[in-house]
PDB file of N, CA and C in Angstrom:
ATOM      1  N   MET A   1      44.102 -85.824  77.504  1.00  0.00           N
ATOM      2  CA  MET A   1      44.785 -85.999  78.771  1.00  0.00           C
ATOM      3  C   MET A   1      43.782 -86.436  79.825  1.00  0.00           C
ATOM      4  N   THR A   2      44.271 -87.154  80.804  1.00  0.00           N
ATOM      5  CA  THR A   2      43.397 -87.629  81.869  1.00  0.00           C
ATOM      6  C   THR A   2      43.281 -86.582  82.976  1.00  0.00           C
ATOM      7  N   GLU A   3      42.351 -86.834  83.870  1.00  0.00           N
ATOM      8  CA  GLU A   3      42.132 -85.926  84.997  1.00  0.00           C
ATOM      9  C   GLU A   3      43.392 -85.795  85.848  1.00  0.00           C
ATOM     10  N   LYS A   4      44.065 -86.901  86.067  1.00  0.00           N
ATOM     11  CA  LYS A   4      45.281 -86.877  86.888  1.00  0.00           C
ATOM     12  C   LYS A   4      46.372 -86.027  86.229  1.00  0.00           C
ATOM     13  N   ASN A   5      46.481 -86.104  84.910  1.00  0.00           N
ATOM     14  CA  ASN A   5      47.467 -85.283  84.196  1.00  0.00           C
ATOM     15  C   ASN A   5      47.158 -83.795  84.344  1.00  0.00           C
ATOM     16  N   TRP A   6      45.896 -83.433  84.268  1.00  0.00           N
ATOM     17  CA  TRP A   6      45.518 -82.033  84.429  1.00  0.00           C
ATOM     18  C   TRP A   6      45.776 -81.559  85.853  1.00  0.00           C
ATOM     19  N   MET A   7      45.546 -82.429  86.829  1.00  0.00           N
ATOM     20  CA  MET A   7      45.832 -82.071  88.217  1.00  0.00           C
ATOM     21  C   MET A   7      47.321 -81.796  88.396  1.00  0.00           C
ATOM     22  N   THR A   8      48.152 -82.635  87.806  1.00  0.00           N
ATOM     23  CA  THR A   8      49.600 -82.440  87.882  1.00  0.00           C
ATOM     24  C   THR A   8      50.000 -81.152  87.183  1.00  0.00           C
ATOM     25  N   LEU A   9      49.397 -80.889  86.047  1.00  0.00           N
ATOM     26  CA  LEU A   9      49.714 -79.680  85.295  1.00  0.00           C
ATOM     27  C   LEU A   9      49.349 -78.414  86.074  1.00  0.00           C
ATOM     28  N   CYS A  10      48.303 -78.483  86.886  1.00  0.00           N
ATOM     29  CA  CYS A  10      47.947 -77.333  87.730  1.00  0.00           C
ATOM     30  C   CYS A  10      49.125 -76.931  88.605  1.00  0.00           C
ATOM     31  N   HIS A  11      49.778 -77.915  89.180  1.00  0.00           N
ATOM     32  CA  HIS A  11      50.905 -77.629  90.067  1.00  0.00           C
ATOM     33  C   HIS A  11      52.174 -77.293  89.289  1.00  0.00           C
ATOM     34  N   LEU A  12      52.437 -78.005  88.222  1.00  0.00           N
ATOM     35  CA  LEU A  12      53.652 -77.763  87.442  1.00  0.00           C
ATOM     36  C   LEU A  12      53.598 -76.443  86.676  1.00  0.00           C
ATOM     37  N   SER A  13      52.415 -75.966  86.381  1.00  0.00           N
ATOM     38  CA  SER A  13      52.303 -74.719  85.625  1.00  0.00           C
ATOM     39  C   SER A  13      52.805 -73.518  86.425  1.00  0.00           C
ATOM     40  N   ALA A  14      53.001 -73.692  87.715  1.00  0.00           N
ATOM     41  CA  ALA A  14      53.577 -72.616  88.532  1.00  0.00           C
ATOM     42  C   ALA A  14      55.007 -72.305  88.098  1.00  0.00           C
ATOM     43  N   LEU A  15      55.624 -73.217  87.372  1.00  0.00           N
ATOM     44  CA  LEU A  15      56.974 -72.972  86.862  1.00  0.00           C
ATOM     45  C   LEU A  15      56.980 -71.895  85.783  1.00  0.00           C
ATOM     46  N   ALA A  16      55.810 -71.410  85.422  1.00  0.00           N
ATOM     47  CA  ALA A  16      55.727 -70.296  84.475  1.00  0.00           C
ATOM     48  C   ALA A  16      56.376 -69.043  85.052  1.00  0.00           C
ATOM     49  N   MET A  17      56.691 -69.080  86.349  1.00  0.00           N
ATOM     50  CA  MET A  17      57.361 -67.928  86.962  1.00  0.00           C
ATOM     51  C   MET A  17      58.729 -67.673  86.339  1.00  0.00           C
ATOM     52  N   PHE A  18      59.298 -68.693  85.703  1.00  0.00           N
ATOM     53  CA  PHE A  18      60.580 -68.507  85.037  1.00  0.00           C
ATOM     54  C   PHE A  18      60.419 -67.813  83.686  1.00  0.00           C
ATOM     55  N   ILE A  19      59.206 -67.819  83.157  1.00  0.00           N
ATOM     56  CA  ILE A  19      58.920 -67.147  81.887  1.00  0.00           C
ATOM     57  C   ILE A  19      58.385 -65.738  82.152  1.00  0.00           C
ATOM     58  N   ILE A  20      57.495 -65.626  83.136  1.00  0.00           N
ATOM     59  CA  ILE A  20      56.916 -64.334  83.518  1.00  0.00           C
ATOM     60  C   ILE A  20      57.250 -64.099  84.999  1.00  0.00           C
ATOM     61  N   PRO A  21      58.399 -63.506  85.281  1.00  0.00           N
ATOM     62  CA  PRO A  21      58.802 -63.302  86.683  1.00  0.00           C
ATOM     63  C   PRO A  21      57.787 -62.462  87.448  1.00  0.00           C
ATOM     64  N   GLY A  22      57.586 -62.818  88.697  1.00  0.00           N
ATOM     65  CA  GLY A  22      56.693 -62.057  89.567  1.00  0.00           C
ATOM     66  C   GLY A  22      55.292 -62.615  89.671  1.00  0.00           C
ATOM     67  N   ILE A  23      54.643 -62.850  88.527  1.00  0.00           N
ATOM     68  CA  ILE A  23      53.252 -63.312  88.582  1.00  0.00           C
ATOM     69  C   ILE A  23      53.002 -64.580  87.773  1.00  0.00           C
ATOM     70  N   GLY A  24      54.003 -65.072  87.104  1.00  0.00           N
ATOM     71  CA  GLY A  24      53.829 -66.277  86.288  1.00  0.00           C
ATOM     72  C   GLY A  24      53.414 -67.480  87.106  1.00  0.00           C
ATOM     73  N   ASN A  25      53.884 -67.524  88.371  1.00  0.00           N
ATOM     74  CA  ASN A  25      53.526 -68.647  89.226  1.00  0.00           C
ATOM     75  C   ASN A  25      52.044 -68.636  89.598  1.00  0.00           C
ATOM     76  N   ILE A  26      51.386 -67.512  89.444  1.00  0.00           N
ATOM     77  CA  ILE A  26      49.939 -67.431  89.695  1.00  0.00           C
ATOM     78  C   ILE A  26      49.166 -67.621  88.390  1.00  0.00           C
ATOM     79  N   ILE A  27      49.659 -67.047  87.320  1.00  0.00           N
ATOM     80  CA  ILE A  27      48.960 -67.117  86.030  1.00  0.00           C
ATOM     81  C   ILE A  27      48.882 -68.548  85.500  1.00  0.00           C
ATOM     82  N   GLY A  28      49.966 -69.319  85.647  1.00  0.00           N
ATOM     83  CA  GLY A  28      49.983 -70.696  85.143  1.00  0.00           C
ATOM     84  C   GLY A  28      48.863 -71.553  85.719  1.00  0.00           C
ATOM     85  N   PRO A  29      48.816 -71.706  87.060  1.00  0.00           N
ATOM     86  CA  PRO A  29      47.733 -72.502  87.650  1.00  0.00           C
ATOM     87  C   PRO A  29      46.345 -71.907  87.401  1.00  0.00           C
ATOM     88  N   LEU A  30      46.265 -70.580  87.346  1.00  0.00           N
ATOM     89  CA  LEU A  30      44.977 -69.933  87.101  1.00  0.00           C
ATOM     90  C   LEU A  30      44.420 -70.307  85.733  1.00  0.00           C
ATOM     91  N   VAL A  31      45.259 -70.293  84.718  1.00  0.00           N
ATOM     92  CA  VAL A  31      44.814 -70.626  83.360  1.00  0.00           C
ATOM     93  C   VAL A  31      44.340 -72.077  83.288  1.00  0.00           C
ATOM     94  N   VAL A  32      45.132 -72.998  83.840  1.00  0.00           N
ATOM     95  CA  VAL A  32      44.748 -74.421  83.810  1.00  0.00           C
ATOM     96  C   VAL A  32      43.446 -74.619  84.572  1.00  0.00           C
ATOM     97  N   TRP A  33      43.337 -74.005  85.742  1.00  0.00           N
ATOM     98  CA  TRP A  33      42.135 -74.152  86.562  1.00  0.00           C
ATOM     99  C   TRP A  33      40.906 -73.602  85.837  1.00  0.00           C
ATOM    100  N   LEU A  34      41.024 -72.408  85.253  1.00  0.00           N
ATOM    101  CA  LEU A  34      39.879 -71.813  84.557  1.00  0.00           C
ATOM    102  C   LEU A  34      39.438 -72.635  83.352  1.00  0.00           C
ATOM    103  N   LEU A  35      40.386 -73.254  82.667  1.00  0.00           N
ATOM    104  CA  LEU A  35      40.046 -74.036  81.479  1.00  0.00           C
ATOM    105  C   LEU A  35      39.400 -75.381  81.804  1.00  0.00           C
ATOM    106  N   LYS A  36      39.780 -76.005  82.923  1.00  0.00           N
ATOM    107  CA  LYS A  36      39.355 -77.387  83.177  1.00  0.00           C
ATOM    108  C   LYS A  36      38.530 -77.591  84.443  1.00  0.00           C
ATOM    109  N   LYS A  37      38.220 -76.543  85.188  1.00  0.00           N
ATOM    110  CA  LYS A  37      37.505 -76.715  86.459  1.00  0.00           C
ATOM    111  C   LYS A  37      36.107 -77.308  86.289  1.00  0.00           C
ATOM    112  N   ASP A  38      35.435 -76.990  85.201  1.00  0.00           N
ATOM    113  CA  ASP A  38      34.079 -77.506  84.990  1.00  0.00           C
ATOM    114  C   ASP A  38      34.074 -78.920  84.421  1.00  0.00           C
ATOM    115  N   GLU A  39      35.148 -79.274  83.749  1.00  0.00           N
ATOM    116  CA  GLU A  39      35.230 -80.587  83.103  1.00  0.00           C
ATOM    117  C   GLU A  39      35.635 -81.700  84.074  1.00  0.00           C
ATOM    118  N   PHE A  40      36.539 -81.372  85.009  1.00  0.00           N
ATOM    119  CA  PHE A  40      37.052 -82.364  85.959  1.00  0.00           C
ATOM    120  C   PHE A  40      36.924 -81.819  87.382  1.00  0.00           C
ATOM    121  N   PRO A  41      36.099 -82.429  88.237  1.00  0.00           N
ATOM    122  CA  PRO A  41      35.930 -81.945  89.615  1.00  0.00           C
ATOM    123  C   PRO A  41      37.229 -81.943  90.426  1.00  0.00           C
ATOM    124  N   ALA A  42      38.073 -82.936  90.227  1.00  0.00           N
ATOM    125  CA  ALA A  42      39.328 -82.987  90.984  1.00  0.00           C
ATOM    126  C   ALA A  42      40.274 -81.868  90.559  1.00  0.00           C
ATOM    127  N   VAL A  43      40.219 -81.467  89.302  1.00  0.00           N
ATOM    128  CA  VAL A  43      41.050 -80.354  88.827  1.00  0.00           C
ATOM    129  C   VAL A  43      40.576 -79.057  89.478  1.00  0.00           C
ATOM    130  N   ASP A  44      39.281 -78.939  89.709  1.00  0.00           N
ATOM    131  CA  ASP A  44      38.746 -77.774  90.406  1.00  0.00           C
ATOM    132  C   ASP A  44      39.372 -77.667  91.795  1.00  0.00           C
ATOM    133  N   THR A  45      39.394 -78.764  92.524  1.00  0.00           N
ATOM    134  CA  THR A  45      39.967 -78.778  93.869  1.00  0.00           C
ATOM    135  C   THR A  45      41.470 -78.524  93.848  1.00  0.00           C
ATOM    136  N   GLU A  46      42.184 -79.251  93.015  1.00  0.00           N
ATOM    137  CA  GLU A  46      43.642 -79.102  92.946  1.00  0.00           C
ATOM    138  C   GLU A  46      44.036 -77.718  92.444  1.00  0.00           C
ATOM    139  N   GLY A  47      43.281 -77.188  91.512  1.00  0.00           N
ATOM    140  CA  GLY A  47      43.565 -75.851  90.996  1.00  0.00           C
ATOM    141  C   GLY A  47      43.431 -74.789  92.071  1.00  0.00           C
ATOM    142  N   LYS A  48      42.391 -74.906  92.888  1.00  0.00           N
ATOM    143  CA  LYS A  48      42.212 -73.965  93.999  1.00  0.00           C
ATOM    144  C   LYS A  48      43.359 -74.077  94.991  1.00  0.00           C
ATOM    145  N   GLU A  49      43.781 -75.311  95.282  1.00  0.00           N
ATOM    146  CA  GLU A  49      44.895 -75.511  96.206  1.00  0.00           C
ATOM    147  C   GLU A  49      46.192 -74.942  95.644  1.00  0.00           C
ATOM    148  N   ALA A  50      46.445 -75.178  94.365  1.00  0.00           N
ATOM    149  CA  ALA A  50      47.668 -74.668  93.733  1.00  0.00           C
ATOM    150  C   ALA A  50      47.656 -73.137  93.721  1.00  0.00           C
ATOM    151  N   LEU A  51      46.524 -72.543  93.381  1.00  0.00           N
ATOM    152  CA  LEU A  51      46.420 -71.080  93.379  1.00  0.00           C
ATOM    153  C   LEU A  51      46.611 -70.505  94.772  1.00  0.00           C
ATOM    154  N   ASN A  52      45.972 -71.106  95.750  1.00  0.00           N
ATOM    155  CA  ASN A  52      46.097 -70.649  97.128  1.00  0.00           C
ATOM    156  C   ASN A  52      47.557 -70.672  97.561  1.00  0.00           C
ATOM    157  N   PHE A  53      48.248 -71.764  97.286  1.00  0.00           N
ATOM    158  CA  PHE A  53      49.651 -71.886  97.669  1.00  0.00           C
ATOM    159  C   PHE A  53      50.503 -70.835  96.966  1.00  0.00           C
ATOM    160  N   GLN A  54      50.319 -70.667  95.663  1.00  0.00           N
ATOM    161  CA  GLN A  54      51.142 -69.726  94.902  1.00  0.00           C
ATOM    162  C   GLN A  54      50.878 -68.274  95.309  1.00  0.00           C
ATOM    163  N   ILE A  55      49.640 -67.941  95.607  1.00  0.00           N
ATOM    164  CA  ILE A  55      49.334 -66.588  96.080  1.00  0.00           C
ATOM    165  C   ILE A  55      49.979 -66.355  97.437  1.00  0.00           C
ATOM    166  N   THR A  56      49.906 -67.342  98.324  1.00  0.00           N
ATOM    167  CA  THR A  56      50.525 -67.231  99.641  1.00  0.00           C
ATOM    168  C   THR A  56      52.033 -67.059  99.532  1.00  0.00           C
ATOM    169  N   VAL A  57      52.672 -67.844  98.685  1.00  0.00           N
ATOM    170  CA  VAL A  57      54.123 -67.737  98.493  1.00  0.00           C
ATOM    171  C   VAL A  57      54.487 -66.366  97.931  1.00  0.00           C
ATOM    172  N   THR A  58      53.714 -65.878  96.982  1.00  0.00           N
ATOM    173  CA  THR A  58      53.995 -64.572  96.381  1.00  0.00           C
ATOM    174  C   THR A  58      53.883 -63.454  97.416  1.00  0.00           C
ATOM    175  N   ILE A  59      52.880 -63.519  98.262  1.00  0.00           N
ATOM    176  CA  ILE A  59      52.712 -62.508  99.314  1.00  0.00           C
ATOM    177  C   ILE A  59      53.834 -62.609 100.339  1.00  0.00           C
ATOM    178  N   ALA A  60      54.214 -63.826 100.692  1.00  0.00           N
ATOM    179  CA  ALA A  60      55.257 -64.036 101.702  1.00  0.00           C
ATOM    180  C   ALA A  60      56.624 -63.556 101.231  1.00  0.00           C
ATOM    181  N   LEU A  61      56.860 -63.629  99.938  1.00  0.00           N
ATOM    182  CA  LEU A  61      58.163 -63.195  99.428  1.00  0.00           C
ATOM    183  C   LEU A  61      58.123 -61.715  99.149  1.00  0.00           C
TER     184      LEU A  61
END
């Protein structure tokens, strides 16, 4: 997969909340980010942004 695909997957993996209610939206982006942050610099940035957003949404709800 290309870097752009992994960046997209960081954001789409938040849909894991439908599989693991409550924290799946955090676990999905976290797993993708941890696996690919060292390999692709842009995935590191996008992963942090996706995690930040999902944590904020979880706290707000």
